[in-house]
Amino acid sequence: MRLSTPFAPVLIAACMALILGVAACDRGAGSDRPPQPGDRAVARVQDQTIWASDVKREAVAQGLVGEGEPLDVTSDLFRRVLDEVIDQKLLATEADRRGLDNSPLAQRRLEATRERILGDMLVETVVNGTISDKAVETIYQEQVRLAQTSEEIRVRLILSRTRPEADAVIGILAQGAAFEAVAAESSIDDATRYSGGDLGYRTLDVMPEAYANALRDKPAGSTVGPFQTEGGWAVLRVEDRRRETPPTLEQARPQIVRYLTYEGVRQLLEQLRGKARVDILLEGDAAGSQEPASAPRRAAAATPAPATPAPVAAPVAAKKS
């Protein structure tokens, strides 16, 4: 079941938009009134109060804790993030003192930060408010029902560069050699060779098409291949087949909430785009354009990738063993 700084100057430059946004928000700060009920003042920089909610928000923004998870003010993590928030305020205050926020570039970056914050608040208000326990339970039960008809396969892999090398692997296995030993000795797939080629339990729908087609009707104990893949020539061993084991509701809840959030944002943006006039001013075909060297690239993987949460996929991840 599935739904997916080595140099200080570089770090400072990368964070300037956020820092300047903090500076803009902090003008006139110094009030000791908690920004939300039950909040706690945890530090003071000059006349500016830092609240526990400020630290929690920074930890969530960095992906250190989930939105609904607690963050104990006595924990080491809280103290580390608090130090970072203090540093942000010191940098932002100094930038403000130097008048850096008055330049046209700073104003545009501050406006971009403001738009991101407002967009997040809209999602929290409109989308997150519609995610109820009933909605989570409904999706969970549907995924449990689908899992009862879904099968997982545990597979081992030996990947070779050429067909003759793969044929040689088949010959060695036919003589009684252990698949795990041959994988450790011969496979070119570094991600699995040291575990005897073990890919773990997967469902066919998350495997590359070549793997899924080869394995579709093969019983446990079968040796499959060789067949060609993007990464080379594959020989597979079917270790086990079993019905998919669903996670508990509490294990699945974070992924379901993430899915519902993605879906809510998608629907909201669809409505907004339907009402707004959006004109793309780019001309010509971008087919021959060059991506920046630092842009992420999707490389062809020799090993089938595990299932990942995605906004258009079924939202519950299987419990693996």
C-alpha atoms as a PDB file:
ATOM      1  CA  MET A   1       0.000   0.000   0.000  1.00  0.00           C
ATOM      2  CA  ARG A   2       1.471   3.334  -1.014  1.00  0.00           C
ATOM      3  CA  LEU A   3       0.448   6.833  -1.386  1.00  0.00           C
ATOM      4  CA  SER A   4       6.784   9.656  -1.604  1.00  0.00           C
ATOM      5  CA  THR A   5      27.549  24.043   4.315  1.00  0.00           C
ATOM      6  CA  PRO A   6      31.107  23.799   4.319  1.00  0.00           C
ATOM      7  CA  PHE A   7      31.561  27.603   4.092  1.00  0.00           C
ATOM      8  CA  ALA A   8      29.812  30.091   6.349  1.00  0.00           C
ATOM      9  CA  PRO A   9      29.495  32.838   3.666  1.00  0.00           C
ATOM     10  CA  VAL A  10      27.618  30.445   1.394  1.00  0.00           C
ATOM     11  CA  LEU A  11      25.206  29.537   4.183  1.00  0.00           C
ATOM     12  CA  ILE A  12      24.618  33.185   5.068  1.00  0.00           C
ATOM     13  CA  ALA A  13      24.003  34.134   1.444  1.00  0.00           C
ATOM     14  CA  ALA A  14      21.560  31.279   1.008  1.00  0.00           C
ATOM     15  CA  CYS A  15      19.583  32.343   4.074  1.00  0.00           C
ATOM     16  CA  MET A  16      19.518  36.121   3.482  1.00  0.00           C
ATOM     17  CA  ALA A  17      15.985  36.192   2.082  1.00  0.00           C
ATOM     18  CA  LEU A  18      14.647  34.421   5.148  1.00  0.00           C
ATOM     19  CA  ILE A  19      16.792  36.534   7.490  1.00  0.00           C
ATOM     20  CA  LEU A  20      15.601  39.774   5.935  1.00  0.00           C
ATOM     21  CA  GLY A  21      12.042  38.498   6.209  1.00  0.00           C
ATOM     22  CA  VAL A  22      12.594  37.943   9.921  1.00  0.00           C
ATOM     23  CA  ALA A  23      13.987  41.474  10.216  1.00  0.00           C
ATOM     24  CA  ALA A  24      10.926  42.948   8.534  1.00  0.00           C
ATOM     25  CA  CYS A  25       8.579  40.981  10.761  1.00  0.00           C
ATOM     26  CA  ASP A  26      10.505  41.991  13.884  1.00  0.00           C
ATOM     27  CA  ARG A  27      10.195  45.753  13.468  1.00  0.00           C
ATOM     28  CA  GLY A  28       8.396  47.028  16.480  1.00  0.00           C
ATOM     29  CA  ALA A  29       8.920  43.730  18.325  1.00  0.00           C
ATOM     30  CA  GLY A  30       9.528  43.636  22.025  1.00  0.00           C
ATOM     31  CA  SER A  31       5.998  43.002  23.267  1.00  0.00           C
ATOM     32  CA  ASP A  32       5.808  40.368  25.974  1.00  0.00           C
ATOM     33  CA  ARG A  33       2.339  39.306  24.867  1.00  0.00           C
ATOM     34  CA  PRO A  34       2.450  35.625  23.751  1.00  0.00           C
ATOM     35  CA  PRO A  35       1.670  35.253  20.029  1.00  0.00           C
ATOM     36  CA  GLN A  36      -0.538  32.248  20.831  1.00  0.00           C
ATOM     37  CA  PRO A  37      -2.183  30.873  23.992  1.00  0.00           C
ATOM     38  CA  GLY A  38       0.160  28.958  26.266  1.00  0.00           C
ATOM     39  CA  ASP A  39       3.282  30.171  24.444  1.00  0.00           C
ATOM     40  CA  ARG A  40       6.474  30.646  26.439  1.00  0.00           C
ATOM     41  CA  ALA A  41       9.227  33.236  26.168  1.00  0.00           C
ATOM     42  CA  VAL A  42      12.519  31.356  25.797  1.00  0.00           C
ATOM     43  CA  ALA A  43      15.039  34.110  24.979  1.00  0.00           C
ATOM     44  CA  ARG A  44      15.379  37.832  24.412  1.00  0.00           C
ATOM     45  CA  VAL A  45      17.671  39.465  21.843  1.00  0.00           C
ATOM     46  CA  GLN A  46      18.008  43.179  22.535  1.00  0.00           C
ATOM     47  CA  ASP A  47      14.335  44.144  22.952  1.00  0.00           C
ATOM     48  CA  GLN A  48      12.987  41.265  20.860  1.00  0.00           C
ATOM     49  CA  THR A  49      11.373  38.263  22.531  1.00  0.00           C
ATOM     50  CA  ILE A  50      11.808  34.785  21.099  1.00  0.00           C
ATOM     51  CA  TRP A  51       8.922  32.475  21.871  1.00  0.00           C
ATOM     52  CA  ALA A  52       8.830  28.685  21.995  1.00  0.00           C
ATOM     53  CA  SER A  53       6.500  28.750  18.977  1.00  0.00           C
ATOM     54  CA  ASP A  54       9.183  30.630  16.983  1.00  0.00           C
ATOM     55  CA  VAL A  55      11.659  27.829  17.671  1.00  0.00           C
ATOM     56  CA  LYS A  56       9.098  25.135  16.882  1.00  0.00           C
ATOM     57  CA  ARG A  57       8.232  26.856  13.578  1.00  0.00           C
ATOM     58  CA  GLU A  58      11.914  26.947  12.604  1.00  0.00           C
ATOM     59  CA  ALA A  59      12.334  23.256  13.495  1.00  0.00           C
ATOM     60  CA  VAL A  60       9.311  22.370  11.344  1.00  0.00           C
ATOM     61  CA  ALA A  61      10.639  24.499   8.463  1.00  0.00           C
ATOM     62  CA  GLN A  62      13.931  22.586   8.599  1.00  0.00           C
ATOM     63  CA  GLY A  63      12.108  19.238   8.633  1.00  0.00           C
ATOM     64  CA  LEU A  64      13.486  18.372  12.073  1.00  0.00           C
ATOM     65  CA  VAL A  65      10.032  17.717  13.549  1.00  0.00           C
ATOM     66  CA  GLY A  66       6.570  17.267  12.113  1.00  0.00           C
ATOM     67  CA  GLU A  67       3.911  19.971  12.280  1.00  0.00           C
ATOM     68  CA  GLY A  68       1.900  18.041  14.846  1.00  0.00           C
ATOM     69  CA  GLU A  69       4.813  16.715  16.878  1.00  0.00           C
ATOM     70  CA  PRO A  70       5.783  18.231  20.244  1.00  0.00           C
ATOM     71  CA  LEU A  71       9.172  19.868  20.784  1.00  0.00           C
ATOM     72  CA  ASP A  72      10.237  19.864  24.431  1.00  0.00           C
ATOM     73  CA  VAL A  73      11.855  23.154  25.433  1.00  0.00           C
ATOM     74  CA  THR A  74      14.338  21.188  27.596  1.00  0.00           C
ATOM     75  CA  SER A  75      15.565  19.014  24.713  1.00  0.00           C
ATOM     76  CA  ASP A  76      18.945  19.343  23.008  1.00  0.00           C
ATOM     77  CA  LEU A  77      17.181  19.781  19.659  1.00  0.00           C
ATOM     78  CA  PHE A  78      15.185  22.736  20.972  1.00  0.00           C
ATOM     79  CA  ARG A  79      18.348  24.398  22.280  1.00  0.00           C
ATOM     80  CA  ARG A  80      20.181  23.915  18.961  1.00  0.00           C
ATOM     81  CA  VAL A  81      17.315  25.412  16.972  1.00  0.00           C
ATOM     82  CA  LEU A  82      16.971  28.232  19.516  1.00  0.00           C
ATOM     83  CA  ASP A  83      20.629  29.133  18.929  1.00  0.00           C
ATOM     84  CA  GLU A  84      19.934  29.264  15.193  1.00  0.00           C
ATOM     85  CA  VAL A  85      16.908  31.529  15.698  1.00  0.00           C
ATOM     86  CA  ILE A  86      19.027  33.836  17.875  1.00  0.00           C
ATOM     87  CA  ASP A  87      21.679  33.949  15.146  1.00  0.00           C
ATOM     88  CA  GLN A  88      19.006  34.757  12.549  1.00  0.00           C
ATOM     89  CA  LYS A  89      17.736  37.647  14.650  1.00  0.00           C
ATOM     90  CA  LEU A  90      21.255  39.021  15.184  1.00  0.00           C
ATOM     91  CA  LEU A  91      22.003  38.854  11.449  1.00  0.00           C
ATOM     92  CA  ALA A  92      18.633  40.346  10.518  1.00  0.00           C
ATOM     93  CA  THR A  93      18.966  43.159  13.058  1.00  0.00           C
ATOM     94  CA  GLU A  94      22.426  44.054  11.746  1.00  0.00           C
ATOM     95  CA  ALA A  95      21.184  43.927   8.137  1.00  0.00           C
ATOM     96  CA  ASP A  96      18.327  46.209   9.139  1.00  0.00           C
ATOM     97  CA  ARG A  97      20.740  48.619  10.911  1.00  0.00           C
ATOM     98  CA  ARG A  98      22.805  48.867   7.739  1.00  0.00           C
ATOM     99  CA  GLY A  99      19.735  49.643   5.681  1.00  0.00           C
ATOM    100  CA  LEU A 100      20.064  46.552   3.505  1.00  0.00           C
ATOM    101  CA  ASP A 101      16.301  46.119   3.510  1.00  0.00           C
ATOM    102  CA  ASN A 102      15.851  49.380   1.570  1.00  0.00           C
ATOM    103  CA  SER A 103      17.396  48.218  -1.709  1.00  0.00           C
ATOM    104  CA  PRO A 104      15.090  47.190  -4.591  1.00  0.00           C
ATOM    105  CA  LEU A 105      16.601  43.671  -4.563  1.00  0.00           C
ATOM    106  CA  ALA A 106      15.916  43.284  -0.849  1.00  0.00           C
ATOM    107  CA  GLN A 107      12.359  44.509  -1.279  1.00  0.00           C
ATOM    108  CA  ARG A 108      11.699  41.929  -3.991  1.00  0.00           C
ATOM    109  CA  ARG A 109      13.184  39.157  -1.859  1.00  0.00           C
ATOM    110  CA  LEU A 110      11.206  40.288   1.176  1.00  0.00           C
ATOM    111  CA  GLU A 111       8.041  40.270  -0.907  1.00  0.00           C
ATOM    112  CA  ALA A 112       8.832  36.738  -2.135  1.00  0.00           C
ATOM    113  CA  THR A 113       9.285  35.625   1.482  1.00  0.00           C
ATOM    114  CA  ARG A 114       6.007  37.297   2.428  1.00  0.00           C
ATOM    115  CA  GLU A 115       4.213  35.480  -0.396  1.00  0.00           C
ATOM    116  CA  ARG A 116       5.596  32.126   0.717  1.00  0.00           C
ATOM    117  CA  ILE A 117       4.483  32.739   4.296  1.00  0.00           C
ATOM    118  CA  LEU A 118       1.004  33.815   3.225  1.00  0.00           C
ATOM    119  CA  GLY A 119       0.718  30.810   0.922  1.00  0.00           C
ATOM    120  CA  ASP A 120       1.646  28.506   3.795  1.00  0.00           C
ATOM    121  CA  MET A 121      -0.916  30.201   6.020  1.00  0.00           C
ATOM    122  CA  LEU A 122      -3.593  29.771   3.356  1.00  0.00           C
ATOM    123  CA  VAL A 123      -2.820  26.058   3.159  1.00  0.00           C
ATOM    124  CA  GLU A 124      -2.960  25.791   6.952  1.00  0.00           C
ATOM    125  CA  THR A 125      -6.293  27.648   7.059  1.00  0.00           C
ATOM    126  CA  VAL A 126      -8.108  26.256   4.022  1.00  0.00           C
ATOM    127  CA  VAL A 127      -6.546  22.859   3.399  1.00  0.00           C
ATOM    128  CA  ASN A 128      -5.398  21.553   6.774  1.00  0.00           C
ATOM    129  CA  GLY A 129      -8.698  22.586   8.319  1.00  0.00           C
ATOM    130  CA  THR A 130     -10.518  20.099   6.096  1.00  0.00           C
ATOM    131  CA  ILE A 131      -8.376  17.100   7.104  1.00  0.00           C
ATOM    132  CA  SER A 132     -10.473  15.297   9.697  1.00  0.00           C
ATOM    133  CA  ASP A 133     -10.045  12.006  11.538  1.00  0.00           C
ATOM    134  CA  LYS A 134     -12.976  10.703   9.511  1.00  0.00           C
ATOM    135  CA  ALA A 135     -11.228  11.527   6.210  1.00  0.00           C
ATOM    136  CA  VAL A 136      -8.043   9.803   7.383  1.00  0.00           C
ATOM    137  CA  GLU A 137      -9.997   6.750   8.551  1.00  0.00           C
ATOM    138  CA  THR A 138     -11.896   6.511   5.256  1.00  0.00           C
ATOM    139  CA  ILE A 139      -8.727   6.457   3.153  1.00  0.00           C
ATOM    140  CA  TYR A 140      -7.044   4.035   5.544  1.00  0.00           C
ATOM    141  CA  GLN A 141      -9.896   1.511   5.357  1.00  0.00           C
ATOM    142  CA  GLU A 142      -9.942   1.716   1.552  1.00  0.00           C
ATOM    143  CA  GLN A 143      -6.205   1.064   1.417  1.00  0.00           C
ATOM    144  CA  VAL A 144      -6.525  -1.871   3.826  1.00  0.00           C
ATOM    145  CA  ARG A 145      -9.189  -3.307   1.530  1.00  0.00           C
ATOM    146  CA  LEU A 146      -6.927  -2.938  -1.500  1.00  0.00           C
ATOM    147  CA  ALA A 147      -4.007  -4.468   0.368  1.00  0.00           C
ATOM    148  CA  GLN A 148      -5.963  -7.669   0.916  1.00  0.00           C
ATOM    149  CA  THR A 149      -5.768  -8.315  -2.828  1.00  0.00           C
ATOM    150  CA  SER A 150      -2.178  -7.129  -3.263  1.00  0.00           C
ATOM    151  CA  GLU A 151       0.884  -9.368  -3.191  1.00  0.00           C
ATOM    152  CA  GLU A 152       4.470  -8.619  -2.209  1.00  0.00           C
ATOM    153  CA  ILE A 153       7.465 -10.434  -3.649  1.00  0.00           C
ATOM    154  CA  ARG A 154      10.863 -10.770  -2.038  1.00  0.00           C
ATOM    155  CA  VAL A 155      13.556 -10.874  -4.719  1.00  0.00           C
ATOM    156  CA  ARG A 156      17.340 -11.128  -4.980  1.00  0.00           C
ATOM    157  CA  LEU A 157      19.257  -9.572  -7.882  1.00  0.00           C
ATOM    158  CA  ILE A 158      22.486 -10.253  -9.733  1.00  0.00           C
ATOM    159  CA  LEU A 159      23.241  -7.520 -12.261  1.00  0.00           C
ATOM    160  CA  SER A 160      25.809  -8.029 -15.043  1.00  0.00           C
ATOM    161  CA  ARG A 161      27.205  -5.662 -17.647  1.00  0.00           C
ATOM    162  CA  THR A 162      26.709  -7.955 -20.660  1.00  0.00           C
ATOM    163  CA  ARG A 163      24.559 -10.873 -21.758  1.00  0.00           C
ATOM    164  CA  PRO A 164      27.516 -13.323 -21.818  1.00  0.00           C
ATOM    165  CA  GLU A 165      28.354 -12.381 -18.206  1.00  0.00           C
ATOM    166  CA  ALA A 166      24.719 -12.947 -17.221  1.00  0.00           C
ATOM    167  CA  ASP A 167      24.679 -16.322 -19.014  1.00  0.00           C
ATOM    168  CA  ALA A 168      27.792 -17.263 -17.051  1.00  0.00           C
ATOM    169  CA  VAL A 169      25.951 -16.401 -13.833  1.00  0.00           C
ATOM    170  CA  ILE A 170      23.107 -18.723 -14.827  1.00  0.00           C
ATOM    171  CA  GLY A 171      25.633 -21.491 -15.435  1.00  0.00           C
ATOM    172  CA  ILE A 172      27.233 -21.027 -12.016  1.00  0.00           C
ATOM    173  CA  LEU A 173      23.821 -21.078 -10.320  1.00  0.00           C
ATOM    174  CA  ALA A 174      22.868 -24.227 -12.215  1.00  0.00           C
ATOM    175  CA  GLN A 175      25.873 -25.956 -10.658  1.00  0.00           C
ATOM    176  CA  GLY A 176      24.416 -25.362  -7.187  1.00  0.00           C
ATOM    177  CA  ALA A 177      26.171 -22.139  -6.146  1.00  0.00           C
ATOM    178  CA  ALA A 178      24.316 -20.055  -3.577  1.00  0.00           C
ATOM    179  CA  PHE A 179      22.611 -17.031  -5.138  1.00  0.00           C
ATOM    180  CA  GLU A 180      23.746 -14.776  -2.285  1.00  0.00           C
ATOM    181  CA  ALA A 181      27.392 -15.760  -2.754  1.00  0.00           C
ATOM    182  CA  VAL A 182      27.293 -15.212  -6.522  1.00  0.00           C
ATOM    183  CA  ALA A 183      25.632 -11.825  -6.017  1.00  0.00           C
ATOM    184  CA  ALA A 184      28.337 -10.730  -3.576  1.00  0.00           C
ATOM    185  CA  GLU A 185      31.050 -11.893  -5.967  1.00  0.00           C
ATOM    186  CA  SER A 186      29.684 -10.932  -9.377  1.00  0.00           C
ATOM    187  CA  SER A 187      26.873  -8.350  -9.221  1.00  0.00           C
ATOM    188  CA  ILE A 188      27.716  -4.816 -10.370  1.00  0.00           C
ATOM    189  CA  ASP A 189      24.861  -3.361  -8.336  1.00  0.00           C
ATOM    190  CA  ASP A 190      26.681  -1.975  -5.296  1.00  0.00           C
ATOM    191  CA  ALA A 191      23.402  -1.137  -3.571  1.00  0.00           C
ATOM    192  CA  THR A 192      22.512  -4.822  -3.139  1.00  0.00           C
ATOM    193  CA  ARG A 193      25.560  -7.003  -3.775  1.00  0.00           C
ATOM    194  CA  TYR A 194      26.815  -6.827  -0.177  1.00  0.00           C
ATOM    195  CA  SER A 195      23.439  -8.066   1.106  1.00  0.00           C
ATOM    196  CA  GLY A 196      23.399 -11.022  -1.280  1.00  0.00           C
ATOM    197  CA  GLY A 197      21.374  -9.111  -3.868  1.00  0.00           C
ATOM    198  CA  ASP A 198      18.395  -8.742  -1.522  1.00  0.00           C
ATOM    199  CA  LEU A 199      15.809  -6.232  -2.779  1.00  0.00           C
ATOM    200  CA  GLY A 200      13.406  -6.894   0.103  1.00  0.00           C
ATOM    201  CA  TYR A 201       9.656  -7.160  -0.290  1.00  0.00           C
ATOM    202  CA  ARG A 202       8.159  -5.105  -3.122  1.00  0.00           C
ATOM    203  CA  THR A 203       4.873  -5.052  -4.992  1.00  0.00           C
ATOM    204  CA  LEU A 204       5.062  -5.307  -8.770  1.00  0.00           C
ATOM    205  CA  ASP A 205       3.610  -1.847  -9.339  1.00  0.00           C
ATOM    206  CA  VAL A 206       6.637  -0.113  -7.785  1.00  0.00           C
ATOM    207  CA  MET A 207       9.173  -2.088  -9.820  1.00  0.00           C
ATOM    208  CA  PRO A 208      10.544  -1.106 -13.234  1.00  0.00           C
ATOM    209  CA  GLU A 209       8.468  -2.614 -16.026  1.00  0.00           C
ATOM    210  CA  ALA A 210      11.153  -5.115 -17.059  1.00  0.00           C
ATOM    211  CA  TYR A 211      11.342  -6.538 -13.530  1.00  0.00           C
ATOM    212  CA  ALA A 212       7.573  -6.642 -13.081  1.00  0.00           C
ATOM    213  CA  ASN A 213       7.017  -8.429 -16.392  1.00  0.00           C
ATOM    214  CA  ALA A 214       9.681 -11.028 -15.617  1.00  0.00           C
ATOM    215  CA  LEU A 215       8.363 -11.748 -12.128  1.00  0.00           C
ATOM    216  CA  ARG A 216       4.618 -11.592 -12.674  1.00  0.00           C
ATOM    217  CA  ASP A 217       3.793 -15.317 -12.576  1.00  0.00           C
ATOM    218  CA  LYS A 218       6.968 -16.792 -11.111  1.00  0.00           C
ATOM    219  CA  PRO A 219       6.589 -18.872  -7.925  1.00  0.00           C
ATOM    220  CA  ALA A 220       8.881 -18.731  -4.899  1.00  0.00           C
ATOM    221  CA  GLY A 221      12.151 -20.541  -5.618  1.00  0.00           C
ATOM    222  CA  SER A 222      12.272 -19.519  -9.274  1.00  0.00           C
ATOM    223  CA  THR A 223      15.358 -18.147 -10.994  1.00  0.00           C
ATOM    224  CA  VAL A 224      14.382 -15.562 -13.606  1.00  0.00           C
ATOM    225  CA  GLY A 225      16.455 -14.163 -16.445  1.00  0.00           C
ATOM    226  CA  PRO A 226      18.706 -13.006 -17.781  1.00  0.00           C
ATOM    227  CA  PHE A 227      16.806 -10.041 -19.200  1.00  0.00           C
ATOM    228  CA  GLN A 228      17.989  -6.579 -20.172  1.00  0.00           C
ATOM    229  CA  THR A 229      17.319  -3.507 -18.002  1.00  0.00           C
ATOM    230  CA  GLU A 230      18.521   0.094 -18.091  1.00  0.00           C
ATOM    231  CA  GLY A 231      21.340  -0.798 -15.709  1.00  0.00           C
ATOM    232  CA  GLY A 232      22.520  -4.025 -17.343  1.00  0.00           C
ATOM    233  CA  TRP A 233      21.483  -7.682 -17.560  1.00  0.00           C
ATOM    234  CA  ALA A 234      19.480  -8.946 -14.586  1.00  0.00           C
ATOM    235  CA  VAL A 235      19.115 -12.381 -13.041  1.00  0.00           C
ATOM    236  CA  LEU A 236      16.539 -12.614 -10.253  1.00  0.00           C
ATOM    237  CA  ARG A 237      15.721 -15.124  -7.563  1.00  0.00           C
ATOM    238  CA  VAL A 238      12.166 -15.198  -6.150  1.00  0.00           C
ATOM    239  CA  GLU A 239      12.590 -15.806  -2.414  1.00  0.00           C
ATOM    240  CA  ASP A 240       8.981 -15.458  -1.248  1.00  0.00           C
ATOM    241  CA  ARG A 241       5.519 -14.255  -2.197  1.00  0.00           C
ATOM    242  CA  ARG A 242       3.003 -13.057   0.410  1.00  0.00           C
ATOM    243  CA  ARG A 243      -0.057 -10.919   0.880  1.00  0.00           C
ATOM    244  CA  GLU A 244       0.796  -7.306   1.574  1.00  0.00           C
ATOM    245  CA  THR A 245       0.762  -6.415   5.282  1.00  0.00           C
ATOM    246  CA  PRO A 246      -0.883  -3.048   5.975  1.00  0.00           C
ATOM    247  CA  PRO A 247       0.452  -0.738   8.680  1.00  0.00           C
ATOM    248  CA  THR A 248      -1.680   0.329  11.612  1.00  0.00           C
ATOM    249  CA  LEU A 249      -3.785   3.464  11.348  1.00  0.00           C
ATOM    250  CA  GLU A 250      -1.355   5.427  13.520  1.00  0.00           C
ATOM    251  CA  GLN A 251       1.618   4.288  11.421  1.00  0.00           C
ATOM    252  CA  ALA A 252      -0.194   5.304   8.234  1.00  0.00           C
ATOM    253  CA  ARG A 253      -1.660   8.584   9.530  1.00  0.00           C
ATOM    254  CA  PRO A 254       1.304  10.925   8.682  1.00  0.00           C
ATOM    255  CA  GLN A 255       1.415   9.682   5.084  1.00  0.00           C
ATOM    256  CA  ILE A 256      -2.352   9.912   4.677  1.00  0.00           C
ATOM    257  CA  VAL A 257      -2.359  13.464   6.058  1.00  0.00           C
ATOM    258  CA  ARG A 258       0.461  14.357   3.648  1.00  0.00           C
ATOM    259  CA  TYR A 259      -1.545  12.895   0.762  1.00  0.00           C
ATOM    260  CA  LEU A 260      -4.701  14.774   1.761  1.00  0.00           C
ATOM    261  CA  THR A 261      -2.665  17.979   2.043  1.00  0.00           C
ATOM    262  CA  TYR A 262      -1.173  17.486  -1.433  1.00  0.00           C
ATOM    263  CA  GLU A 263      -4.610  16.774  -2.849  1.00  0.00           C
ATOM    264  CA  GLY A 264      -6.134  19.783  -1.104  1.00  0.00           C
ATOM    265  CA  VAL A 265      -3.392  22.089  -2.406  1.00  0.00           C
ATOM    266  CA  ARG A 266      -3.811  20.677  -5.910  1.00  0.00           C
ATOM    267  CA  GLN A 267      -7.552  21.343  -5.866  1.00  0.00           C
ATOM    268  CA  LEU A 268      -7.081  24.817  -4.386  1.00  0.00           C
ATOM    269  CA  LEU A 269      -4.521  25.766  -7.046  1.00  0.00           C
ATOM    270  CA  GLU A 270      -6.788  24.362  -9.741  1.00  0.00           C
ATOM    271  CA  GLN A 271      -9.585  26.645  -8.538  1.00  0.00           C
ATOM    272  CA  LEU A 272      -7.309  29.680  -8.280  1.00  0.00           C
ATOM    273  CA  ARG A 273      -5.811  29.146 -11.727  1.00  0.00           C
ATOM    274  CA  GLY A 274      -9.310  28.757 -13.131  1.00  0.00           C
ATOM    275  CA  LYS A 275     -10.263  32.190 -11.822  1.00  0.00           C
ATOM    276  CA  ALA A 276      -7.022  34.051 -12.543  1.00  0.00           C
ATOM    277  CA  ARG A 277      -5.486  35.257 -15.770  1.00  0.00           C
ATOM    278  CA  VAL A 278      -1.980  33.816 -16.058  1.00  0.00           C
ATOM    279  CA  ASP A 279       0.135  34.750 -19.090  1.00  0.00           C
ATOM    280  CA  ILE A 280       3.447  32.940 -19.664  1.00  0.00           C
ATOM    281  CA  LEU A 281       5.705  35.408 -21.447  1.00  0.00           C
ATOM    282  CA  LEU A 282       8.399  32.947 -22.553  1.00  0.00           C
ATOM    283  CA  GLU A 283       8.737  32.394 -26.286  1.00  0.00           C
ATOM    284  CA  GLY A 284      10.182  29.549 -28.340  1.00  0.00           C
ATOM    285  CA  ASP A 285      10.826  25.895 -27.611  1.00  0.00           C
ATOM    286  CA  ALA A 286      12.943  24.981 -24.578  1.00  0.00           C
ATOM    287  CA  ALA A 287      13.868  21.578 -26.011  1.00  0.00           C
ATOM    288  CA  GLY A 288      17.466  22.588 -26.691  1.00  0.00           C
ATOM    289  CA  SER A 289      17.995  24.488 -23.463  1.00  0.00           C
ATOM    290  CA  GLN A 290      20.781  23.576 -21.049  1.00  0.00           C
ATOM    291  CA  GLU A 291      20.054  22.801 -17.404  1.00  0.00           C
ATOM    292  CA  PRO A 292      22.404  24.362 -14.830  1.00  0.00           C
ATOM    293  CA  ALA A 293      25.205  22.051 -13.734  1.00  0.00           C
ATOM    294  CA  SER A 294      23.870  22.116 -10.160  1.00  0.00           C
ATOM    295  CA  ALA A 295      20.328  21.116 -11.179  1.00  0.00           C
ATOM    296  CA  PRO A 296      19.258  17.700  -9.852  1.00  0.00           C
ATOM    297  CA  ARG A 297      19.261  14.928 -12.405  1.00  0.00           C
ATOM    298  CA  ARG A 298      17.302  11.713 -12.371  1.00  0.00           C
ATOM    299  CA  ALA A 299      19.726   8.924 -13.126  1.00  0.00           C
ATOM    300  CA  ALA A 300      18.585   5.502 -14.284  1.00  0.00           C
ATOM    301  CA  ALA A 301      18.800   3.208 -11.286  1.00  0.00           C
ATOM    302  CA  ALA A 302      20.132  -0.317 -11.568  1.00  0.00           C
ATOM    303  CA  THR A 303      18.123  -1.347  -8.513  1.00  0.00           C
ATOM    304  CA  PRO A 304      14.337  -0.946  -8.549  1.00  0.00           C
ATOM    305  CA  ALA A 305      13.516   2.086  -6.429  1.00  0.00           C
ATOM    306  CA  PRO A 306      11.380   1.633  -3.329  1.00  0.00           C
ATOM    307  CA  ALA A 307       7.918   3.094  -3.150  1.00  0.00           C
ATOM    308  CA  THR A 308       7.775   6.773  -2.201  1.00  0.00           C
ATOM    309  CA  PRO A 309       4.830   8.934  -1.239  1.00  0.00           C
ATOM    310  CA  ALA A 310       3.355  10.968  -4.079  1.00  0.00           C
ATOM    311  CA  PRO A 311       0.325  13.184  -4.253  1.00  0.00           C
ATOM    312  CA  VAL A 312      -1.269  11.112  -7.033  1.00  0.00           C
ATOM    313  CA  ALA A 313      -0.517   7.687  -5.624  1.00  0.00           C
ATOM    314  CA  ALA A 314      -2.370   5.661  -3.032  1.00  0.00           C
ATOM    315  CA  PRO A 315      -1.389   7.214   0.262  1.00  0.00           C
ATOM    316  CA  VAL A 316      -0.543   4.373   2.617  1.00  0.00           C
ATOM    317  CA  ALA A 317       2.904   2.764   2.688  1.00  0.00           C
ATOM    318  CA  ALA A 318       3.165  -0.938   3.329  1.00  0.00           C
ATOM    319  CA  LYS A 319       4.654  -2.156   6.575  1.00  0.00           C
ATOM    320  CA  LYS A 320       7.894  -3.923   5.634  1.00  0.00           C
ATOM    321  CA  SER A 321       9.617  -6.644   7.570  1.00  0.00           C
END
